[in-house]
Protein backbone atom coordinates (compact mmCIF):
# COMPACT_ATOMS: atom_id res chain seq x y z
CA MET A 1 24.01 -15.44 -42.70
CA GLN A 2 23.39 -14.17 -39.21
CA GLU A 3 20.81 -15.62 -36.93
CA PRO A 4 18.10 -13.12 -35.94
CA ILE A 5 18.21 -11.71 -32.43
CA ARG A 6 15.53 -13.21 -30.27
CA VAL A 7 13.91 -11.06 -27.69
CA LEU A 8 12.75 -12.98 -24.67
CA VAL A 9 9.45 -12.02 -23.15
CA ARG A 10 9.98 -10.97 -19.57
CA ARG A 11 7.68 -12.86 -17.30
CA GLU A 12 6.88 -11.45 -13.94
CA SER A 13 7.63 -13.66 -11.02
CA THR A 14 5.04 -14.73 -8.50
CA VAL A 15 6.74 -12.69 -5.79
CA SER A 16 6.53 -9.57 -7.93
CA ALA A 17 2.84 -10.15 -8.61
CA ILE A 18 2.13 -10.67 -4.89
CA TYR A 19 4.02 -7.49 -4.01
CA GLN A 20 2.18 -5.43 -6.63
CA ASN A 21 -1.25 -6.73 -5.67
CA GLY A 22 -0.51 -6.18 -1.98
CA ALA A 23 0.71 -2.65 -2.68
CA ILE A 24 -2.48 -1.82 -4.57
CA LEU A 25 -4.70 -3.25 -1.83
CA VAL A 26 -2.81 -1.46 0.96
CA TRP A 27 -2.80 1.77 -1.05
CA LEU A 28 -6.57 1.71 -1.51
CA VAL A 29 -7.35 0.87 2.11
CA THR A 30 -4.89 3.45 3.45
CA PHE A 31 -6.05 6.18 1.08
CA PHE A 32 -9.72 5.86 1.96
CA GLY A 33 -8.95 5.42 5.66
CA CYS A 34 -6.83 8.58 5.74
CA TRP A 35 -9.36 10.51 3.69
CA VAL A 36 -12.19 9.56 6.08
CA TYR A 37 -9.93 10.56 8.99
CA CYS A 38 -9.35 13.98 7.39
CA ILE A 39 -13.05 14.48 6.76
CA GLN A 40 -13.88 13.49 10.34
CA ASN A 41 -11.31 15.77 11.95
CA TYR A 42 -11.28 18.79 9.63
CA GLY A 43 -14.86 18.88 8.44
CA VAL A 44 -16.40 18.33 5.07
CA SER A 45 -15.04 21.45 3.36
CA LEU A 46 -11.37 20.94 4.25
CA GLY A 47 -11.48 17.17 4.57
CA VAL A 48 -13.00 16.51 1.16
CA GLY A 49 -11.35 19.46 -0.53
CA LEU A 50 -7.79 19.06 0.69
CA GLY A 51 -7.74 15.76 2.58
CA TRP A 52 -6.96 13.76 -0.52
CA LEU A 53 -3.45 15.22 -0.77
CA PRO A 54 -2.03 13.91 2.54
CA SER A 55 -4.03 10.73 1.97
CA ILE A 56 -2.20 10.12 -1.31
CA LEU A 57 1.18 10.74 0.32
CA VAL A 58 0.53 8.42 3.27
CA ALA A 59 -1.01 5.73 1.04
CA THR A 60 1.96 5.81 -1.34
CA VAL A 61 4.45 5.28 1.49
CA ALA A 62 2.28 2.57 3.06
CA GLY A 63 1.82 0.84 -0.30
CA ALA A 64 5.55 0.77 -0.93
CA LEU A 65 6.38 -0.51 2.56
CA TRP A 66 3.46 -2.90 3.04
CA PRO A 67 5.58 -6.01 3.78
CA LEU A 68 7.22 -4.18 6.69
CA LEU A 69 3.83 -3.02 7.92
CA LEU A 70 2.59 -6.60 7.78
CA VAL A 71 5.51 -7.83 9.89
CA PHE A 72 5.01 -4.96 12.35
CA ALA A 73 1.29 -5.75 12.67
CA ALA A 74 2.07 -9.44 13.23
CA VAL A 75 4.57 -8.65 15.99
CA VAL A 76 2.19 -6.19 17.68
CA GLY A 77 -0.69 -8.66 17.41
CA TRP A 78 1.39 -11.53 18.77
CA THR A 79 2.60 -9.36 21.67
CA PHE A 80 -0.92 -8.13 22.43
CA PHE A 81 -2.57 -11.55 22.40
CA THR A 82 0.15 -13.37 24.35
CA ALA A 83 0.54 -10.70 27.05
CA GLY A 84 -2.51 -11.99 28.94
């Protein structure tokens, strides 16, 4: 008699959970920031009506690359505050 095949439950690692939560947070902040920027520069009709499309594109790229953006911001901040 054969032993039944056991399917292991895949558990997400802590690093994966941190990356996903960071990507969601960065996506939300970037999306609303870009959308407000579009509304401010192009007016209410174009900014609200069409500003969401470039905001989604920019937020998706920023959400995927958020660890690199974090390193870049740390380097720029360190350079800015130690230049004095």
